Amino acid sequence: MKFSTIFWDSDGTLVDTEPLYFKVIQEVLKEVGIDLTREWWVDEQLKKGTSAFDLARDLGQSEASVQALRRKQDKLYLELLKAGVRVMEGAIQTLEQLHGKVPMGLVTTSRKINFDQIMASTALAKYFDFFITREDVVHEKPDPEPYLKAWERSGLAKEKCLVIEDTERGVTSAKAAGLTCFAIPNELSKDNDFSKADRVLNKLEEILEFI
């Protein structure tokens, strides 16, 4: 089937920001004696969408402490993004070939302030017709709301819409919205369960075969 529009995830799919986010939140939580492991991050955050701040609450941090940690994490993460963001291999070449042929949206769980900085650091914004960030939804991935909003924005039949994701929770969100979803695992998400994905691709450029 040939698709008429693409809804892209951002972090881990188009930009290599997930290791940066993990590094920052790991450092912040260490200040209150919490050792955030890579295994927890992959199993809970990338697979299920569980926040590391929920872990802090579960381990006895007060709500005031959690909010202070969150503010510090937000500040440090934004500083890292301003220092530079690496675009995933094949992303620019693929977007260049698709630009102008099909409308594309970007659907991310990033906060708008961080997302805007990512776009400023990478100059990727020009390829997209619309953006949906964390502030645009009530429920984040793996809930279907983000991709249902993208589908509504497109005005197309669901079978004409293709979602590109890099995590299990993203695939869960897209499939719960009734959309076709291709997964492209990265180094952090490669052990996620992608059995719900319609296809698992090895590289971004493979998407061109379906448009």
N, C-alpha and C. Protein backbone atom coordinates (compact mmCIF):
# COMPACT_ATOMS: atom_id res chain seq x y z
N MET A 1 0.84 -1.19 0.00
CA MET A 1 0.00 0.00 0.00
C MET A 1 0.88 1.25 0.00
N LYS A 2 0.47 2.25 -0.75
CA LYS A 2 1.15 3.53 -0.75
C LYS A 2 0.43 4.48 0.21
N PHE A 3 1.18 5.17 1.05
CA PHE A 3 0.60 6.06 2.04
C PHE A 3 0.61 7.50 1.56
N SER A 4 -0.33 8.29 2.05
CA SER A 4 -0.49 9.68 1.61
C SER A 4 0.03 10.70 2.60
N THR A 5 0.35 10.27 3.79
CA THR A 5 0.91 11.18 4.80
C THR A 5 1.72 10.37 5.81
N ILE A 6 2.66 11.05 6.48
CA ILE A 6 3.49 10.39 7.48
C ILE A 6 3.47 11.22 8.76
N PHE A 7 3.27 10.52 9.88
CA PHE A 7 3.40 11.14 11.20
C PHE A 7 4.67 10.59 11.84
N TRP A 8 5.61 11.47 12.09
CA TRP A 8 6.91 11.07 12.62
C TRP A 8 7.00 11.30 14.12
N ASP A 9 7.57 10.35 14.83
CA ASP A 9 8.08 10.60 16.16
C ASP A 9 9.38 11.40 15.98
N SER A 10 9.82 12.08 17.04
CA SER A 10 11.03 12.89 16.94
C SER A 10 12.21 12.27 17.68
N ASP A 11 12.13 12.23 19.02
CA ASP A 11 13.25 11.76 19.84
C ASP A 11 13.54 10.28 19.60
N GLY A 12 14.76 10.01 19.15
CA GLY A 12 15.15 8.63 18.88
C GLY A 12 14.82 8.15 17.49
N THR A 13 13.96 8.88 16.79
CA THR A 13 13.59 8.53 15.42
C THR A 13 14.28 9.44 14.42
N LEU A 14 14.16 10.74 14.64
CA LEU A 14 14.80 11.72 13.76
C LEU A 14 16.01 12.39 14.41
N VAL A 15 15.98 12.50 15.73
CA VAL A 15 17.10 13.14 16.45
C VAL A 15 17.55 12.25 17.59
N ASP A 16 18.85 12.26 17.84
CA ASP A 16 19.45 11.37 18.83
C ASP A 16 19.47 12.03 20.21
N THR A 17 18.29 12.32 20.74
CA THR A 17 18.18 13.05 21.99
C THR A 17 17.92 12.16 23.21
N GLU A 18 17.48 10.94 23.01
CA GLU A 18 17.14 10.09 24.15
C GLU A 18 18.34 9.83 25.07
N PRO A 19 19.55 9.60 24.54
CA PRO A 19 20.70 9.45 25.45
C PRO A 19 20.98 10.71 26.26
N LEU A 20 20.74 11.89 25.68
CA LEU A 20 20.94 13.14 26.40
C LEU A 20 19.95 13.26 27.56
N TYR A 21 18.70 12.93 27.28
CA TYR A 21 17.67 13.03 28.31
C TYR A 21 17.95 12.04 29.44
N PHE A 22 18.34 10.83 29.08
CA PHE A 22 18.66 9.82 30.09
C PHE A 22 19.83 10.28 30.96
N LYS A 23 20.86 10.81 30.34
CA LYS A 23 22.04 11.28 31.07
C LYS A 23 21.67 12.35 32.10
N VAL A 24 20.85 13.30 31.70
CA VAL A 24 20.48 14.40 32.59
C VAL A 24 19.63 13.91 33.75
N ILE A 25 18.61 13.14 33.46
CA ILE A 25 17.73 12.71 34.54
C ILE A 25 18.44 11.73 35.47
N GLN A 26 19.36 10.96 34.94
CA GLN A 26 20.17 10.07 35.78
C GLN A 26 21.00 10.89 36.76
N GLU A 27 21.63 11.96 36.27
CA GLU A 27 22.45 12.81 37.13
C GLU A 27 21.61 13.53 38.19
N VAL A 28 20.44 14.01 37.80
CA VAL A 28 19.58 14.74 38.74
C VAL A 28 19.08 13.81 39.84
N LEU A 29 18.65 12.62 39.49
CA LEU A 29 18.14 11.70 40.50
C LEU A 29 19.24 11.18 41.42
N LYS A 30 20.46 11.12 40.90
CA LYS A 30 21.58 10.67 41.73
C LYS A 30 21.80 11.61 42.92
N GLU A 31 21.45 12.88 42.74
CA GLU A 31 21.62 13.86 43.81
C GLU A 31 20.75 13.55 45.03
N VAL A 32 19.66 12.79 44.82
CA VAL A 32 18.80 12.41 45.95
C VAL A 32 18.92 10.92 46.24
N GLY A 33 20.03 10.31 45.79
CA GLY A 33 20.32 8.93 46.14
C GLY A 33 19.63 7.87 45.32
N ILE A 34 19.10 8.26 44.14
CA ILE A 34 18.41 7.29 43.28
C ILE A 34 19.32 6.92 42.12
N ASP A 35 19.61 5.64 41.99
CA ASP A 35 20.46 5.15 40.91
C ASP A 35 19.56 4.69 39.76
N LEU A 36 19.37 5.57 38.79
CA LEU A 36 18.52 5.26 37.64
C LEU A 36 19.34 4.44 36.63
N THR A 37 18.99 3.20 36.46
CA THR A 37 19.76 2.32 35.58
C THR A 37 19.25 2.40 34.14
N ARG A 38 20.11 2.03 33.23
CA ARG A 38 19.73 1.96 31.82
C ARG A 38 18.60 0.95 31.64
N GLU A 39 18.66 -0.15 32.39
CA GLU A 39 17.64 -1.20 32.26
C GLU A 39 16.26 -0.66 32.66
N TRP A 40 16.21 0.11 33.77
CA TRP A 40 14.93 0.69 34.18
C TRP A 40 14.42 1.65 33.11
N TRP A 41 15.32 2.47 32.61
CA TRP A 41 14.94 3.47 31.61
C TRP A 41 14.33 2.81 30.37
N VAL A 42 14.98 1.77 29.90
CA VAL A 42 14.48 1.08 28.70
C VAL A 42 13.16 0.37 28.99
N ASP A 43 13.09 -0.37 30.10
CA ASP A 43 11.91 -1.17 30.41
C ASP A 43 10.70 -0.34 30.80
N GLU A 44 10.93 0.77 31.48
CA GLU A 44 9.81 1.56 31.99
C GLU A 44 9.49 2.80 31.16
N GLN A 45 10.53 3.57 30.83
CA GLN A 45 10.30 4.80 30.08
C GLN A 45 10.04 4.52 28.60
N LEU A 46 10.94 3.80 27.95
CA LEU A 46 10.82 3.61 26.52
C LEU A 46 9.73 2.61 26.14
N LYS A 47 9.55 1.60 26.97
CA LYS A 47 8.52 0.60 26.65
C LYS A 47 7.13 1.03 27.08
N LYS A 48 7.03 1.60 28.29
CA LYS A 48 5.71 1.85 28.88
C LYS A 48 5.36 3.32 29.02
N GLY A 49 6.34 4.20 28.96
CA GLY A 49 6.07 5.62 29.15
C GLY A 49 6.04 6.04 30.60
N THR A 50 6.55 5.20 31.51
CA THR A 50 6.61 5.55 32.92
C THR A 50 7.66 6.64 33.15
N SER A 51 7.30 7.66 33.89
CA SER A 51 8.24 8.76 34.15
C SER A 51 9.20 8.39 35.27
N ALA A 52 10.44 8.79 35.12
CA ALA A 52 11.42 8.59 36.18
C ALA A 52 11.05 9.37 37.43
N PHE A 53 10.25 10.42 37.27
CA PHE A 53 9.81 11.17 38.43
C PHE A 53 8.76 10.40 39.22
N ASP A 54 8.03 9.51 38.55
CA ASP A 54 7.14 8.59 39.28
C ASP A 54 7.96 7.65 40.14
N LEU A 55 9.11 7.23 39.62
CA LEU A 55 10.01 6.39 40.40
C LEU A 55 10.48 7.15 41.64
N ALA A 56 10.80 8.42 41.48
CA ALA A 56 11.24 9.22 42.62
C ALA A 56 10.15 9.30 43.69
N ARG A 57 8.90 9.48 43.24
CA ARG A 57 7.78 9.50 44.19
C ARG A 57 7.66 8.16 44.90
N ASP A 58 7.76 7.09 44.14
CA ASP A 58 7.63 5.75 44.72
C ASP A 58 8.72 5.46 45.75
N LEU A 59 9.88 6.10 45.58
CA LEU A 59 10.99 5.88 46.49
C LEU A 59 11.04 6.91 47.62
N GLY A 60 9.94 7.65 47.79
CA GLY A 60 9.80 8.50 48.97
C GLY A 60 10.04 9.97 48.80
N GLN A 61 10.32 10.45 47.59
CA GLN A 61 10.52 11.89 47.40
C GLN A 61 9.18 12.62 47.48
N SER A 62 9.17 13.74 48.19
CA SER A 62 7.95 14.54 48.30
C SER A 62 7.62 15.19 46.97
N GLU A 63 6.39 15.66 46.84
CA GLU A 63 6.00 16.31 45.59
C GLU A 63 6.81 17.58 45.36
N ALA A 64 7.11 18.29 46.43
CA ALA A 64 7.95 19.50 46.29
C ALA A 64 9.34 19.15 45.79
N SER A 65 9.89 18.06 46.32
CA SER A 65 11.21 17.60 45.88
C SER A 65 11.17 17.17 44.42
N VAL A 66 10.12 16.46 44.04
CA VAL A 66 9.98 15.98 42.65
C VAL A 66 9.91 17.16 41.69
N GLN A 67 9.14 18.17 42.04
CA GLN A 67 9.01 19.33 41.16
C GLN A 67 10.32 20.10 41.06
N ALA A 68 11.09 20.16 42.14
CA ALA A 68 12.40 20.81 42.10
C ALA A 68 13.36 20.04 41.21
N LEU A 69 13.31 18.71 41.31
CA LEU A 69 14.13 17.87 40.45
C LEU A 69 13.75 18.04 38.99
N ARG A 70 12.46 18.12 38.73
CA ARG A 70 11.99 18.30 37.36
C ARG A 70 12.47 19.61 36.77
N ARG A 71 12.40 20.69 37.57
CA ARG A 71 12.86 21.99 37.08
C ARG A 71 14.35 21.97 36.77
N LYS A 72 15.12 21.31 37.63
CA LYS A 72 16.56 21.22 37.38
C LYS A 72 16.84 20.41 36.14
N GLN A 73 16.13 19.30 35.99
CA GLN A 73 16.31 18.46 34.81
C GLN A 73 15.96 19.23 33.53
N ASP A 74 14.85 19.97 33.57
CA ASP A 74 14.45 20.76 32.40
C ASP A 74 15.53 21.76 32.01
N LYS A 75 16.10 22.42 33.00
CA LYS A 75 17.14 23.44 32.74
C LYS A 75 18.38 22.80 32.13
N LEU A 76 18.86 21.70 32.72
CA LEU A 76 20.07 21.05 32.23
C LEU A 76 19.86 20.45 30.84
N TYR A 77 18.69 19.87 30.61
CA TYR A 77 18.41 19.26 29.30
C TYR A 77 18.37 20.33 28.22
N LEU A 78 17.74 21.44 28.50
CA LEU A 78 17.67 22.51 27.51
C LEU A 78 19.07 23.03 27.18
N GLU A 79 19.95 23.11 28.19
CA GLU A 79 21.32 23.54 27.94
C GLU A 79 22.05 22.58 27.01
N LEU A 80 21.83 21.28 27.20
CA LEU A 80 22.45 20.29 26.32
C LEU A 80 21.93 20.43 24.89
N LEU A 81 20.62 20.66 24.76
CA LEU A 81 20.04 20.82 23.42
C LEU A 81 20.61 22.04 22.71
N LYS A 82 20.85 23.10 23.47
CA LYS A 82 21.41 24.32 22.87
C LYS A 82 22.84 24.09 22.41
N ALA A 83 23.53 23.14 23.03
CA ALA A 83 24.91 22.84 22.66
C ALA A 83 25.00 22.06 21.35
N GLY A 84 23.87 21.49 20.93
CA GLY A 84 23.86 20.76 19.66
C GLY A 84 23.09 19.46 19.74
N VAL A 85 22.42 19.12 18.64
CA VAL A 85 21.62 17.90 18.56
C VAL A 85 22.03 17.13 17.31
N ARG A 86 22.30 15.85 17.49
CA ARG A 86 22.67 15.02 16.34
C ARG A 86 21.42 14.48 15.65
N VAL A 87 21.37 14.68 14.34
CA VAL A 87 20.27 14.13 13.54
C VAL A 87 20.58 12.67 13.23
N MET A 88 19.56 11.80 13.30
CA MET A 88 19.76 10.38 13.05
C MET A 88 20.21 10.14 11.61
N GLU A 89 21.01 9.11 11.43
CA GLU A 89 21.53 8.77 10.12
C GLU A 89 20.40 8.54 9.12
N GLY A 90 20.51 9.19 7.98
CA GLY A 90 19.52 9.02 6.91
C GLY A 90 18.30 9.91 7.02
N ALA A 91 18.17 10.65 8.14
CA ALA A 91 16.95 11.44 8.36
C ALA A 91 16.82 12.58 7.35
N ILE A 92 17.86 13.37 7.18
CA ILE A 92 17.75 14.52 6.29
C ILE A 92 17.54 14.08 4.85
N GLN A 93 18.29 13.06 4.42
CA GLN A 93 18.14 12.57 3.05
C GLN A 93 16.73 12.06 2.79
N THR A 94 16.16 11.36 3.76
CA THR A 94 14.81 10.82 3.61
C THR A 94 13.77 11.93 3.59
N LEU A 95 13.90 12.87 4.52
CA LEU A 95 12.95 13.98 4.57
C LEU A 95 13.03 14.84 3.31
N GLU A 96 14.23 15.03 2.79
CA GLU A 96 14.39 15.81 1.56
C GLU A 96 13.62 15.17 0.41
N GLN A 97 13.68 13.85 0.31
CA GLN A 97 13.02 13.16 -0.79
C GLN A 97 11.50 13.15 -0.62
N LEU A 98 11.03 13.20 0.62
CA LEU A 98 9.59 13.16 0.87
C LEU A 98 8.96 14.55 0.85
N HIS A 99 9.75 15.57 1.14
CA HIS A 99 9.23 16.93 1.25
C HIS A 99 8.59 17.38 -0.05
N GLY A 100 7.34 17.84 0.05
CA GLY A 100 6.62 18.29 -1.13
C GLY A 100 5.84 17.20 -1.83
N LYS A 101 6.13 15.95 -1.49
CA LYS A 101 5.40 14.82 -2.10
C LYS A 101 4.21 14.40 -1.25
N VAL A 102 4.42 14.37 0.08
CA VAL A 102 3.33 14.03 0.99
C VAL A 102 3.39 14.98 2.19
N PRO A 103 2.23 15.36 2.74
CA PRO A 103 2.26 16.16 3.96
C PRO A 103 2.79 15.33 5.12
N MET A 104 3.50 15.97 6.03
CA MET A 104 4.09 15.26 7.17
C MET A 104 3.88 16.04 8.46
N GLY A 105 3.60 15.29 9.52
CA GLY A 105 3.47 15.88 10.84
C GLY A 105 4.48 15.27 11.79
N LEU A 106 4.81 15.99 12.85
CA LEU A 106 5.75 15.50 13.84
C LEU A 106 5.02 15.41 15.18
N VAL A 107 5.03 14.22 15.77
CA VAL A 107 4.24 13.95 16.98
C VAL A 107 5.20 13.53 18.09
N THR A 108 5.38 14.40 19.08
CA THR A 108 6.41 14.16 20.08
C THR A 108 5.87 14.31 21.49
N THR A 109 6.50 13.61 22.44
CA THR A 109 6.17 13.80 23.86
C THR A 109 7.05 14.88 24.49
N SER A 110 7.91 15.48 23.71
CA SER A 110 8.76 16.56 24.23
C SER A 110 7.93 17.79 24.60
N ARG A 111 8.37 18.49 25.64
CA ARG A 111 7.78 19.78 25.96
C ARG A 111 8.11 20.76 24.84
N LYS A 112 7.21 21.72 24.62
CA LYS A 112 7.36 22.62 23.48
C LYS A 112 8.67 23.39 23.53
N ILE A 113 9.09 23.82 24.72
CA ILE A 113 10.33 24.60 24.82
C ILE A 113 11.53 23.77 24.36
N ASN A 114 11.53 22.48 24.70
CA ASN A 114 12.62 21.61 24.27
C ASN A 114 12.50 21.29 22.78
N PHE A 115 11.29 21.04 22.35
CA PHE A 115 11.07 20.72 20.94
C PHE A 115 11.48 21.89 20.04
N ASP A 116 11.11 23.09 20.44
CA ASP A 116 11.49 24.27 19.65
C ASP A 116 13.01 24.39 19.55
N GLN A 117 13.71 24.08 20.63
CA GLN A 117 15.17 24.14 20.59
C GLN A 117 15.74 23.06 19.68
N ILE A 118 15.15 21.87 19.72
CA ILE A 118 15.59 20.79 18.83
C ILE A 118 15.43 21.20 17.38
N MET A 119 14.30 21.81 17.06
CA MET A 119 14.07 22.27 15.70
C MET A 119 15.05 23.38 15.32
N ALA A 120 15.34 24.27 16.26
CA ALA A 120 16.30 25.35 15.98
C ALA A 120 17.70 24.81 15.78
N SER A 121 18.05 23.76 16.51
CA SER A 121 19.39 23.19 16.43
C SER A 121 19.60 22.33 15.18
N THR A 122 18.52 21.85 14.61
CA THR A 122 18.63 20.90 13.49
C THR A 122 18.10 21.42 12.16
N ALA A 123 17.30 22.48 12.19
CA ALA A 123 16.67 23.02 10.97
C ALA A 123 15.76 22.01 10.29
N LEU A 124 15.14 21.12 11.08
CA LEU A 124 14.24 20.12 10.51
C LEU A 124 12.80 20.61 10.34
N ALA A 125 12.46 21.71 10.98
CA ALA A 125 11.07 22.16 10.99
C ALA A 125 10.50 22.38 9.59
N LYS A 126 11.34 22.76 8.66
CA LYS A 126 10.86 23.11 7.32
C LYS A 126 10.23 21.94 6.58
N TYR A 127 10.48 20.73 7.03
CA TYR A 127 9.96 19.55 6.34
C TYR A 127 8.54 19.20 6.76
N PHE A 128 8.01 19.84 7.81
CA PHE A 128 6.76 19.39 8.40
C PHE A 128 5.64 20.41 8.27
N ASP A 129 4.43 19.86 8.16
CA ASP A 129 3.24 20.70 8.01
C ASP A 129 2.62 21.06 9.36
N PHE A 130 2.83 20.24 10.36
CA PHE A 130 2.32 20.56 11.70
C PHE A 130 3.10 19.78 12.75
N PHE A 131 2.95 20.25 13.99
CA PHE A 131 3.64 19.64 15.13
C PHE A 131 2.64 19.42 16.26
N ILE A 132 2.78 18.30 16.95
CA ILE A 132 2.00 18.03 18.16
C ILE A 132 3.00 17.72 19.26
N THR A 133 3.02 18.57 20.31
CA THR A 133 3.94 18.39 21.41
C THR A 133 3.17 18.00 22.68
N ARG A 134 3.89 17.84 23.77
CA ARG A 134 3.28 17.38 25.02
C ARG A 134 2.15 18.29 25.46
N GLU A 135 2.31 19.61 25.26
CA GLU A 135 1.29 20.56 25.71
C GLU A 135 0.01 20.50 24.89
N ASP A 136 0.04 19.82 23.75
CA ASP A 136 -1.14 19.76 22.88
C ASP A 136 -2.08 18.62 23.22
N VAL A 137 -1.71 17.77 24.16
CA VAL A 137 -2.54 16.62 24.50
C VAL A 137 -2.72 16.52 26.02
N VAL A 138 -3.75 15.80 26.40
CA VAL A 138 -3.97 15.51 27.82
C VAL A 138 -3.20 14.26 28.21
N HIS A 139 -3.25 13.27 27.32
CA HIS A 139 -2.61 11.97 27.60
C HIS A 139 -1.47 11.74 26.60
N GLU A 140 -0.31 11.37 27.13
CA GLU A 140 0.88 11.14 26.30
C GLU A 140 0.92 9.70 25.80
N LYS A 141 1.82 9.44 24.87
CA LYS A 141 2.09 8.07 24.45
C LYS A 141 2.46 7.24 25.70
N PRO A 142 1.96 6.02 25.86
CA PRO A 142 1.35 5.13 24.86
C PRO A 142 -0.14 5.31 24.63
N ASP A 143 -0.76 6.33 25.23
CA ASP A 143 -2.16 6.62 24.93
C ASP A 143 -2.28 6.99 23.45
N PRO A 144 -3.39 6.67 22.81
CA PRO A 144 -3.55 6.98 21.38
C PRO A 144 -3.79 8.45 21.06
N GLU A 145 -4.06 9.29 22.08
CA GLU A 145 -4.46 10.67 21.80
C GLU A 145 -3.52 11.43 20.87
N PRO A 146 -2.18 11.38 21.06
CA PRO A 146 -1.33 12.16 20.15
C PRO A 146 -1.52 11.81 18.67
N TYR A 147 -1.63 10.52 18.38
CA TYR A 147 -1.76 10.13 16.97
C TYR A 147 -3.19 10.29 16.45
N LEU A 148 -4.17 10.25 17.33
CA LEU A 148 -5.53 10.57 16.91
C LEU A 148 -5.62 12.04 16.52
N LYS A 149 -4.92 12.90 17.27
CA LYS A 149 -4.90 14.32 16.92
C LYS A 149 -4.23 14.54 15.57
N ALA A 150 -3.12 13.81 15.34
CA ALA A 150 -2.43 13.92 14.06
C ALA A 150 -3.34 13.47 12.91
N TRP A 151 -4.01 12.37 13.11
CA TRP A 151 -4.93 11.86 12.08
C TRP A 151 -6.04 12.87 11.79
N GLU A 152 -6.60 13.47 12.84
CA GLU A 152 -7.64 14.47 12.65
C GLU A 152 -7.11 15.67 11.86
N ARG A 153 -5.88 16.07 12.16
CA ARG A 153 -5.28 17.20 11.44
C ARG A 153 -5.09 16.88 9.96
N SER A 154 -4.82 15.63 9.65
CA SER A 154 -4.53 15.25 8.26
C SER A 154 -5.77 15.29 7.38
N GLY A 155 -6.93 14.96 7.93
CA GLY A 155 -8.15 14.91 7.14
C GLY A 155 -8.22 13.72 6.20
N LEU A 156 -7.33 12.76 6.37
CA LEU A 156 -7.26 11.59 5.49
C LEU A 156 -7.83 10.36 6.18
N ALA A 157 -8.13 9.34 5.38
CA ALA A 157 -8.56 8.07 5.94
C ALA A 157 -7.39 7.45 6.70
N LYS A 158 -7.69 6.69 7.76
CA LYS A 158 -6.63 6.12 8.57
C LYS A 158 -5.69 5.23 7.78
N GLU A 159 -6.24 4.50 6.81
CA GLU A 159 -5.38 3.58 6.05
C GLU A 159 -4.38 4.30 5.15
N LYS A 160 -4.54 5.61 5.00
CA LYS A 160 -3.59 6.39 4.21
C LYS A 160 -2.49 7.02 5.05
N CYS A 161 -2.55 6.80 6.37
CA CYS A 161 -1.60 7.44 7.29
C CYS A 161 -0.57 6.43 7.79
N LEU A 162 0.68 6.84 7.79
CA LEU A 162 1.78 6.00 8.27
C LEU A 162 2.49 6.68 9.43
N VAL A 163 2.70 5.94 10.50
CA VAL A 163 3.44 6.44 11.66
C VAL A 163 4.83 5.80 11.68
N ILE A 164 5.85 6.60 12.01
CA ILE A 164 7.21 6.10 12.17
C ILE A 164 7.64 6.29 13.62
N GLU A 165 7.99 5.20 14.29
CA GLU A 165 8.33 5.23 15.72
C GLU A 165 9.60 4.45 16.00
N ASP A 166 10.18 4.72 17.18
CA ASP A 166 11.40 4.00 17.57
C ASP A 166 11.25 3.24 18.87
N THR A 167 10.09 3.37 19.55
CA THR A 167 9.92 2.70 20.84
C THR A 167 8.63 1.90 20.89
N GLU A 168 8.60 0.98 21.83
CA GLU A 168 7.40 0.16 22.04
C GLU A 168 6.20 1.03 22.42
N ARG A 169 6.42 2.01 23.31
CA ARG A 169 5.30 2.83 23.74
C ARG A 169 4.75 3.66 22.59
N GLY A 170 5.63 4.09 21.67
CA GLY A 170 5.17 4.84 20.51
C GLY A 170 4.35 3.98 19.57
N VAL A 171 4.81 2.75 19.35
CA VAL A 171 4.06 1.81 18.51
C VAL A 171 2.70 1.52 19.14
N THR A 172 2.68 1.33 20.44
CA THR A 172 1.41 1.07 21.15
C THR A 172 0.44 2.22 20.93
N SER A 173 0.93 3.46 21.02
CA SER A 173 0.11 4.64 20.81
C SER A 173 -0.47 4.67 19.40
N ALA A 174 0.37 4.45 18.41
CA ALA A 174 -0.08 4.50 17.02
C ALA A 174 -1.09 3.41 16.69
N LYS A 175 -0.82 2.21 17.16
CA LYS A 175 -1.73 1.09 16.85
C LYS A 175 -3.06 1.25 17.59
N ALA A 176 -3.02 1.80 18.82
CA ALA A 176 -4.26 2.04 19.55
C ALA A 176 -5.11 3.11 18.85
N ALA A 177 -4.45 3.97 18.07
CA ALA A 177 -5.16 4.99 17.29
C ALA A 177 -5.69 4.43 15.97
N GLY A 178 -5.39 3.16 15.69
CA GLY A 178 -5.88 2.53 14.47
C GLY A 178 -5.07 2.84 13.23
N LEU A 179 -3.77 3.17 13.42
CA LEU A 179 -2.92 3.58 12.31
C LEU A 179 -1.85 2.54 12.01
N THR A 180 -1.37 2.52 10.80
CA THR A 180 -0.24 1.69 10.42
C THR A 180 1.02 2.29 11.02
N CYS A 181 1.87 1.45 11.60
CA CYS A 181 3.08 1.95 12.24
C CYS A 181 4.28 1.09 11.88
N PHE A 182 5.32 1.75 11.38
CA PHE A 182 6.60 1.10 11.13
C PHE A 182 7.56 1.50 12.26
N ALA A 183 8.33 0.56 12.75
CA ALA A 183 9.29 0.83 13.81
C ALA A 183 10.71 0.80 13.26
N ILE A 184 11.53 1.72 13.76
CA ILE A 184 12.95 1.73 13.44
C ILE A 184 13.70 1.76 14.77
N PRO A 185 14.05 0.62 15.32
CA PRO A 185 14.72 0.58 16.63
C PRO A 185 16.08 1.27 16.59
N ASN A 186 16.45 1.86 17.72
CA ASN A 186 17.79 2.43 17.84
C ASN A 186 18.54 1.70 18.94
N GLU A 187 19.71 2.19 19.31
CA GLU A 187 20.55 1.48 20.27
C GLU A 187 19.87 1.32 21.63
N LEU A 188 19.13 2.33 22.06
CA LEU A 188 18.45 2.25 23.35
C LEU A 188 17.19 1.39 23.30
N SER A 189 16.47 1.45 22.18
CA SER A 189 15.17 0.78 22.12
C SER A 189 15.20 -0.59 21.43
N LYS A 190 16.36 -1.05 21.04
CA LYS A 190 16.44 -2.26 20.22
C LYS A 190 15.87 -3.50 20.90
N ASP A 191 15.79 -3.50 22.25
CA ASP A 191 15.25 -4.65 22.96
C ASP A 191 13.77 -4.48 23.31
N ASN A 192 13.14 -3.41 22.83
CA ASN A 192 11.70 -3.24 23.02
C ASN A 192 10.95 -4.33 22.25
N ASP A 193 9.69 -4.53 22.60
CA ASP A 193 8.84 -5.48 21.90
C ASP A 193 8.13 -4.74 20.76
N PHE A 194 8.50 -5.06 19.53
CA PHE A 194 7.90 -4.41 18.36
C PHE A 194 6.93 -5.33 17.63
N SER A 195 6.38 -6.30 18.34
CA SER A 195 5.49 -7.27 17.70
C SER A 195 4.20 -6.63 17.18
N LYS A 196 3.82 -5.48 17.75
CA LYS A 196 2.60 -4.79 17.29
C LYS A 196 2.84 -3.95 16.04
N ALA A 197 4.10 -3.67 15.74
CA ALA A 197 4.41 -2.85 14.56
C ALA A 197 4.07 -3.59 13.28
N ASP A 198 3.64 -2.86 12.27
CA ASP A 198 3.31 -3.48 10.99
C ASP A 198 4.56 -3.90 10.24
N ARG A 199 5.64 -3.17 10.45
CA ARG A 199 6.95 -3.53 9.90
C ARG A 199 8.03 -3.01 10.83
N VAL A 200 9.14 -3.69 10.87
CA VAL A 200 10.32 -3.21 11.57
C VAL A 200 11.40 -2.99 10.52
N LEU A 201 11.85 -1.75 10.38
CA LEU A 201 12.82 -1.38 9.36
C LEU A 201 14.22 -1.27 9.96
N ASN A 202 15.20 -1.40 9.12
CA ASN A 202 16.59 -1.29 9.56
C ASN A 202 17.13 0.13 9.46
N LYS A 203 16.57 0.90 8.53
CA LYS A 203 17.04 2.27 8.35
C LYS A 203 15.93 3.14 7.79
N LEU A 204 16.06 4.43 8.01
CA LEU A 204 15.02 5.38 7.62
C LEU A 204 14.72 5.37 6.13
N GLU A 205 15.73 5.20 5.33
CA GLU A 205 15.55 5.30 3.88
C GLU A 205 14.57 4.26 3.33
N GLU A 206 14.35 3.18 4.06
CA GLU A 206 13.44 2.15 3.59
C GLU A 206 12.00 2.64 3.48
N ILE A 207 11.69 3.71 4.19
CA ILE A 207 10.33 4.27 4.16
C ILE A 207 9.93 4.71 2.75
N LEU A 208 10.90 5.13 1.97
CA LEU A 208 10.63 5.66 0.64
C LEU A 208 9.94 4.65 -0.27
N GLU A 209 10.11 3.36 0.01
CA GLU A 209 9.48 2.34 -0.80
C GLU A 209 7.95 2.32 -0.67
N PHE A 210 7.44 2.94 0.39
CA PHE A 210 6.02 2.84 0.69
C PHE A 210 5.24 4.13 0.43
N ILE A 211 5.90 5.12 -0.14
CA ILE A 211 5.26 6.41 -0.40
C ILE A 211 5.13 6.63 -1.90
